[in-house]
Structures are given as structure tokens and as C-alpha cells.
All heavy atoms as atom14 arrays in JSON, in Angstrom:
{
  "sequence": "RFGPHTLAVAYDSIRWVYCAGVKPDGSLPGV",
  "atom14_mask": [
    [1, 1, 1, 1, 1, 1, 1, 1, 1, 1, 1, 0, 0, 0],
    [1, 1, 1, 1, 1, 1, 1, 1, 1, 1, 1, 0, 0, 0],
    [1, 1, 1, 1, 0, 0, 0, 0, 0, 0, 0, 0, 0, 0],
    [1, 1, 1, 1, 1, 1, 1, 0, 0, 0, 0, 0, 0, 0],
    [1, 1, 1, 1, 1, 1, 1, 1, 1, 1, 0, 0, 0, 0],
    [1, 1, 1, 1, 1, 1, 1, 0, 0, 0, 0, 0, 0, 0],
    [1, 1, 1, 1, 1, 1, 1, 1, 0, 0, 0, 0, 0, 0],
    [1, 1, 1, 1, 1, 0, 0, 0, 0, 0, 0, 0, 0, 0],
    [1, 1, 1, 1, 1, 1, 1, 0, 0, 0, 0, 0, 0, 0],
    [1, 1, 1, 1, 1, 0, 0, 0, 0, 0, 0, 0, 0, 0],
    [1, 1, 1, 1, 1, 1, 1, 1, 1, 1, 1, 1, 0, 0],
    [1, 1, 1, 1, 1, 1, 1, 1, 0, 0, 0, 0, 0, 0],
    [1, 1, 1, 1, 1, 1, 0, 0, 0, 0, 0, 0, 0, 0],
    [1, 1, 1, 1, 1, 1, 1, 1, 0, 0, 0, 0, 0, 0],
    [1, 1, 1, 1, 1, 1, 1, 1, 1, 1, 1, 0, 0, 0],
    [1, 1, 1, 1, 1, 1, 1, 1, 1, 1, 1, 1, 1, 1],
    [1, 1, 1, 1, 1, 1, 1, 0, 0, 0, 0, 0, 0, 0],
    [1, 1, 1, 1, 1, 1, 1, 1, 1, 1, 1, 1, 0, 0],
    [1, 1, 1, 1, 1, 1, 0, 0, 0, 0, 0, 0, 0, 0],
    [1, 1, 1, 1, 1, 0, 0, 0, 0, 0, 0, 0, 0, 0],
    [1, 1, 1, 1, 0, 0, 0, 0, 0, 0, 0, 0, 0, 0],
    [1, 1, 1, 1, 1, 1, 1, 0, 0, 0, 0, 0, 0, 0],
    [1, 1, 1, 1, 1, 1, 1, 1, 1, 0, 0, 0, 0, 0],
    [1, 1, 1, 1, 1, 1, 1, 0, 0, 0, 0, 0, 0, 0],
    [1, 1, 1, 1, 1, 1, 1, 1, 0, 0, 0, 0, 0, 0],
    [1, 1, 1, 1, 0, 0, 0, 0, 0, 0, 0, 0, 0, 0],
    [1, 1, 1, 1, 1, 1, 0, 0, 0, 0, 0, 0, 0, 0],
    [1, 1, 1, 1, 1, 1, 1, 1, 0, 0, 0, 0, 0, 0],
    [1, 1, 1, 1, 1, 1, 1, 0, 0, 0, 0, 0, 0, 0],
    [1, 1, 1, 1, 0, 0, 0, 0, 0, 0, 0, 0, 0, 0],
    [1, 1, 1, 1, 1, 1, 1, 0, 0, 0, 0, 0, 0, 0]
  ],
  "atom14_positions": [
    [[52.82, 28.52, -32.01], [52.86, 27.85, -30.7], [51.36, 27.53, -30.35], [50.47, 28.36, -30.53], [53.42, 28.8, -29.68], [53.44, 28.19, -28.24], [54.63, 27.19, -28.13], [54.53, 26.6, -26.82], [55.39, 26.95, -25.78], [56.26, 27.95, -25.99], [55.4, 26.34, -24.66], [0.0, 0.0, 0.0], [0.0, 0.0, 0.0], [0.0, 0.0, 0.0]],
    [[51.11, 26.32, -29.89], [49.78, 25.86, -29.47], [49.85, 25.4, -28.01], [50.15, 24.25, -27.73], [49.32, 24.68, -30.32], [49.18, 24.93, -31.81], [50.33, 24.85, -32.59], [47.98, 25.33, -32.34], [50.22, 25.06, -33.94], [47.85, 25.55, -33.7], [48.99, 25.48, -34.52], [0.0, 0.0, 0.0], [0.0, 0.0, 0.0], [0.0, 0.0, 0.0]],
    [[49.71, 26.32, -27.08], [49.73, 25.96, -25.65], [51.12, 25.62, -25.22], [52.17, 25.81, -25.98], [0.0, 0.0, 0.0], [0.0, 0.0, 0.0], [0.0, 0.0, 0.0], [0.0, 0.0, 0.0], [0.0, 0.0, 0.0], [0.0, 0.0, 0.0], [0.0, 0.0, 0.0], [0.0, 0.0, 0.0], [0.0, 0.0, 0.0], [0.0, 0.0, 0.0]],
    [[51.33, 25.08, -24.02], [52.66, 24.93, -23.41], [53.45, 23.74, -24.03], [54.66, 23.67, -23.81], [52.32, 24.65, -21.92], [51.01, 24.05, -21.97], [50.24, 24.76, -23.08], [0.0, 0.0, 0.0], [0.0, 0.0, 0.0], [0.0, 0.0, 0.0], [0.0, 0.0, 0.0], [0.0, 0.0, 0.0], [0.0, 0.0, 0.0], [0.0, 0.0, 0.0]],
    [[52.77, 22.78, -24.68], [53.46, 21.55, -25.09], [53.61, 21.36, -26.54], [54.25, 20.34, -27.0], [52.74, 20.34, -24.48], [52.65, 20.32, -22.97], [53.78, 20.29, -22.18], [51.61, 20.42, -22.13], [53.47, 20.32, -20.92], [52.14, 20.4, -20.87], [0.0, 0.0, 0.0], [0.0, 0.0, 0.0], [0.0, 0.0, 0.0], [0.0, 0.0, 0.0]],
    [[53.07, 22.23, -27.4], [52.99, 21.94, -28.79], [53.37, 23.12, -29.62], [52.95, 24.23, -29.33], [51.5, 21.54, -29.2], [51.04, 20.52, -28.31], [51.48, 21.0, -30.63], [0.0, 0.0, 0.0], [0.0, 0.0, 0.0], [0.0, 0.0, 0.0], [0.0, 0.0, 0.0], [0.0, 0.0, 0.0], [0.0, 0.0, 0.0], [0.0, 0.0, 0.0]],
    [[54.12, 22.91, -30.67], [54.65, 23.91, -31.58], [54.7, 23.32, -32.99], [55.03, 22.17, -33.17], [56.0, 24.42, -31.14], [56.7, 25.54, -31.9], [57.54, 26.39, -30.97], [57.67, 24.92, -32.93], [0.0, 0.0, 0.0], [0.0, 0.0, 0.0], [0.0, 0.0, 0.0], [0.0, 0.0, 0.0], [0.0, 0.0, 0.0], [0.0, 0.0, 0.0]],
    [[54.34, 24.18, -33.96], [54.43, 23.74, -35.36], [55.3, 24.63, -36.17], [55.38, 25.8, -35.95], [53.0, 23.74, -36.0], [0.0, 0.0, 0.0], [0.0, 0.0, 0.0], [0.0, 0.0, 0.0], [0.0, 0.0, 0.0], [0.0, 0.0, 0.0], [0.0, 0.0, 0.0], [0.0, 0.0, 0.0], [0.0, 0.0, 0.0], [0.0, 0.0, 0.0]],
    [[56.02, 24.0, -37.12], [56.91, 24.73, -38.01], [56.54, 24.35, -39.43], [56.36, 23.16, -39.75], [58.41, 24.29, -37.8], [59.28, 25.03, -38.83], [58.79, 24.71, -36.38], [0.0, 0.0, 0.0], [0.0, 0.0, 0.0], [0.0, 0.0, 0.0], [0.0, 0.0, 0.0], [0.0, 0.0, 0.0], [0.0, 0.0, 0.0], [0.0, 0.0, 0.0]],
    [[56.31, 25.36, -40.28], [55.89, 25.1, -41.66], [56.76, 25.93, -42.6], [57.19, 27.06, -42.33], [54.45, 25.54, -41.86], [0.0, 0.0, 0.0], [0.0, 0.0, 0.0], [0.0, 0.0, 0.0], [0.0, 0.0, 0.0], [0.0, 0.0, 0.0], [0.0, 0.0, 0.0], [0.0, 0.0, 0.0], [0.0, 0.0, 0.0], [0.0, 0.0, 0.0]],
    [[57.06, 25.29, -43.73], [57.85, 25.88, -44.81], [57.74, 25.02, -46.05], [57.78, 23.77, -45.99], [59.36, 26.11, -44.44], [60.07, 24.87, -44.14], [60.73, 24.1, -45.12], [60.08, 24.32, -42.89], [61.36, 22.91, -44.86], [60.73, 23.15, -42.55], [61.39, 22.43, -43.56], [62.0, 21.24, -43.24], [0.0, 0.0, 0.0], [0.0, 0.0, 0.0]],
    [[57.62, 25.68, -47.2], [57.7, 24.99, -48.52], [56.88, 23.66, -48.52], [57.36, 22.62, -48.97], [59.16, 24.68, -48.83], [59.33, 24.36, -50.35], [58.44, 24.78, -51.08], [60.35, 23.78, -50.65], [0.0, 0.0, 0.0], [0.0, 0.0, 0.0], [0.0, 0.0, 0.0], [0.0, 0.0, 0.0], [0.0, 0.0, 0.0], [0.0, 0.0, 0.0]],
    [[55.6, 23.74, -48.07], [54.68, 22.66, -48.04], [55.07, 21.47, -47.14], [54.64, 20.36, -47.37], [54.44, 22.1, -49.52], [53.95, 23.12, -50.32], [0.0, 0.0, 0.0], [0.0, 0.0, 0.0], [0.0, 0.0, 0.0], [0.0, 0.0, 0.0], [0.0, 0.0, 0.0], [0.0, 0.0, 0.0], [0.0, 0.0, 0.0], [0.0, 0.0, 0.0]],
    [[55.97, 21.74, -46.18], [56.31, 20.78, -45.07], [55.84, 21.36, -43.85], [56.0, 22.58, -43.53], [57.86, 20.62, -45.09], [58.37, 20.04, -46.38], [58.23, 19.65, -43.94], [57.9, 18.65, -46.68], [0.0, 0.0, 0.0], [0.0, 0.0, 0.0], [0.0, 0.0, 0.0], [0.0, 0.0, 0.0], [0.0, 0.0, 0.0], [0.0, 0.0, 0.0]],
    [[55.31, 20.52, -42.95], [54.82, 20.95, -41.64], [55.27, 19.94, -40.58], [54.94, 18.79, -40.68], [53.32, 21.11, -41.62], [52.78, 21.83, -40.4], [51.31, 22.24, -40.62], [50.8, 23.02, -39.53], [50.12, 22.46, -38.48], [49.9, 21.17, -38.45], [49.63, 23.19, -37.54], [0.0, 0.0, 0.0], [0.0, 0.0, 0.0], [0.0, 0.0, 0.0]],
    [[56.05, 20.45, -39.59], [56.45, 19.68, -38.47], [55.67, 20.08, -37.26], [55.42, 21.26, -37.04], [58.0, 19.93, -38.19], [58.89, 19.57, -39.26], [59.3, 20.43, -40.27], [59.47, 18.35, -39.59], [60.18, 19.78, -41.14], [60.25, 18.49, -40.71], [59.38, 17.08, -38.96], [61.02, 17.41, -41.23], [60.1, 16.02, -39.49], [60.92, 16.23, -40.6]],
    [[55.32, 19.12, -36.43], [54.68, 19.38, -35.17], [55.49, 18.75, -34.07], [55.81, 17.57, -34.11], [53.23, 18.84, -35.1], [52.62, 19.13, -33.77], [52.42, 19.45, -36.25], [0.0, 0.0, 0.0], [0.0, 0.0, 0.0], [0.0, 0.0, 0.0], [0.0, 0.0, 0.0], [0.0, 0.0, 0.0], [0.0, 0.0, 0.0], [0.0, 0.0, 0.0]],
    [[55.92, 19.55, -33.08], [56.77, 19.15, -31.94], [55.9, 19.2, -30.69], [55.24, 20.18, -30.42], [57.97, 20.04, -31.78], [58.87, 20.1, -32.96], [58.78, 21.14, -33.91], [59.84, 19.11, -33.19], [59.61, 21.18, -34.99], [60.69, 19.16, -34.31], [60.56, 20.22, -35.19], [61.4, 20.23, -36.32], [0.0, 0.0, 0.0], [0.0, 0.0, 0.0]],
    [[55.91, 18.1, -29.98], [55.29, 18.01, -28.64], [56.34, 17.66, -27.63], [57.1, 16.71, -27.86], [54.09, 17.03, -28.6], [52.79, 17.42, -29.73], [0.0, 0.0, 0.0], [0.0, 0.0, 0.0], [0.0, 0.0, 0.0], [0.0, 0.0, 0.0], [0.0, 0.0, 0.0], [0.0, 0.0, 0.0], [0.0, 0.0, 0.0], [0.0, 0.0, 0.0]],
    [[56.33, 18.28, -26.48], [57.4, 18.06, -25.49], [56.88, 18.31, -24.11], [55.84, 19.06, -23.9], [58.62, 18.96, -25.76], [0.0, 0.0, 0.0], [0.0, 0.0, 0.0], [0.0, 0.0, 0.0], [0.0, 0.0, 0.0], [0.0, 0.0, 0.0], [0.0, 0.0, 0.0], [0.0, 0.0, 0.0], [0.0, 0.0, 0.0], [0.0, 0.0, 0.0]],
    [[57.46, 17.69, -23.13], [57.17, 17.88, -21.69], [55.78, 17.34, -21.29], [55.25, 17.8, -20.27], [0.0, 0.0, 0.0], [0.0, 0.0, 0.0], [0.0, 0.0, 0.0], [0.0, 0.0, 0.0], [0.0, 0.0, 0.0], [0.0, 0.0, 0.0], [0.0, 0.0, 0.0], [0.0, 0.0, 0.0], [0.0, 0.0, 0.0], [0.0, 0.0, 0.0]],
    [[55.35, 16.31, -21.98], [54.0, 15.77, -21.63], [54.17, 14.75, -20.53], [54.95, 13.79, -20.65], [53.35, 15.13, -22.87], [52.03, 14.44, -22.54], [53.14, 16.18, -23.97], [0.0, 0.0, 0.0], [0.0, 0.0, 0.0], [0.0, 0.0, 0.0], [0.0, 0.0, 0.0], [0.0, 0.0, 0.0], [0.0, 0.0, 0.0], [0.0, 0.0, 0.0]],
    [[53.39, 14.91, -19.46], [53.45, 13.99, -18.29], [52.08, 13.4, -18.07], [51.05, 14.02, -18.27], [53.97, 14.8, -17.08], [55.35, 15.34, -17.19], [55.74, 16.08, -15.95], [57.1, 16.71, -16.05], [57.5, 17.42, -14.86], [0.0, 0.0, 0.0], [0.0, 0.0, 0.0], [0.0, 0.0, 0.0], [0.0, 0.0, 0.0], [0.0, 0.0, 0.0]],
    [[52.04, 12.2, -17.43], [50.77, 11.57, -17.02], [50.28, 12.05, -15.69], [50.96, 12.84, -14.96], [51.12, 10.09, -16.98], [52.51, 10.08, -16.47], [53.19, 11.32, -17.03], [0.0, 0.0, 0.0], [0.0, 0.0, 0.0], [0.0, 0.0, 0.0], [0.0, 0.0, 0.0], [0.0, 0.0, 0.0], [0.0, 0.0, 0.0], [0.0, 0.0, 0.0]],
    [[49.1, 11.67, -15.4], [48.55, 11.89, -14.05], [49.31, 10.89, -13.11], [49.14, 9.71, -13.19], [47.07, 11.54, -14.01], [46.41, 11.65, -12.68], [47.13, 11.85, -11.69], [45.18, 11.55, -12.58], [0.0, 0.0, 0.0], [0.0, 0.0, 0.0], [0.0, 0.0, 0.0], [0.0, 0.0, 0.0], [0.0, 0.0, 0.0], [0.0, 0.0, 0.0]],
    [[50.17, 11.5, -12.26], [51.01, 10.67, -11.41], [50.29, 9.9, -10.37], [50.89, 9.06, -9.7], [0.0, 0.0, 0.0], [0.0, 0.0, 0.0], [0.0, 0.0, 0.0], [0.0, 0.0, 0.0], [0.0, 0.0, 0.0], [0.0, 0.0, 0.0], [0.0, 0.0, 0.0], [0.0, 0.0, 0.0], [0.0, 0.0, 0.0], [0.0, 0.0, 0.0]],
    [[49.0, 10.21, -10.12], [48.28, 9.51, -9.11], [47.73, 8.12, -9.63], [47.24, 7.32, -8.77], [47.01, 10.27, -8.57], [46.13, 10.54, -9.62], [0.0, 0.0, 0.0], [0.0, 0.0, 0.0], [0.0, 0.0, 0.0], [0.0, 0.0, 0.0], [0.0, 0.0, 0.0], [0.0, 0.0, 0.0], [0.0, 0.0, 0.0], [0.0, 0.0, 0.0]],
    [[47.91, 7.9, -10.88], [47.39, 6.6, -11.42], [48.3, 5.47, -10.95], [49.54, 5.65, -10.81], [47.4, 6.64, -12.96], [46.38, 7.59, -13.61], [46.62, 7.7, -15.09], [44.94, 7.08, -13.32], [0.0, 0.0, 0.0], [0.0, 0.0, 0.0], [0.0, 0.0, 0.0], [0.0, 0.0, 0.0], [0.0, 0.0, 0.0], [0.0, 0.0, 0.0]],
    [[47.72, 4.31, -10.74], [48.48, 3.19, -10.06], [49.29, 2.35, -11.0], [48.85, 1.33, -11.51], [47.27, 2.37, -9.44], [46.18, 2.5, -10.4], [46.3, 3.93, -10.96], [0.0, 0.0, 0.0], [0.0, 0.0, 0.0], [0.0, 0.0, 0.0], [0.0, 0.0, 0.0], [0.0, 0.0, 0.0], [0.0, 0.0, 0.0], [0.0, 0.0, 0.0]],
    [[50.52, 2.78, -11.33], [51.42, 1.96, -12.13], [51.73, 2.58, -13.48], [51.06, 3.47, -13.99], [0.0, 0.0, 0.0], [0.0, 0.0, 0.0], [0.0, 0.0, 0.0], [0.0, 0.0, 0.0], [0.0, 0.0, 0.0], [0.0, 0.0, 0.0], [0.0, 0.0, 0.0], [0.0, 0.0, 0.0], [0.0, 0.0, 0.0], [0.0, 0.0, 0.0]],
    [[52.82, 1.98, -14.06], [53.33, 2.51, -15.3], [52.37, 2.28, -16.48], [52.24, 3.15, -17.35], [54.69, 1.82, -15.64], [55.18, 2.14, -17.01], [55.74, 2.27, -14.59], [0.0, 0.0, 0.0], [0.0, 0.0, 0.0], [0.0, 0.0, 0.0], [0.0, 0.0, 0.0], [0.0, 0.0, 0.0], [0.0, 0.0, 0.0], [0.0, 0.0, 0.0]]
  ]
}
């Protein structure tokens, strides 16, 4: 686990990285 938004899974020379729950600065003006 790397902080609240990132996790890595490794096995047999394969490595997956999952990122979730990432949000922008909601005060920015527009999409």
C-alpha cells in the first residue's frame, strides 16, 4: 500500500498498480 489512493500487487514478474478515489481541487473553475 502506498498512501490512501495507491496499491500495488506483484507476482511472477507481473506488477499491477491500482489508484482509486482521486478527486480534483473542487474550487477550480470548471470541468
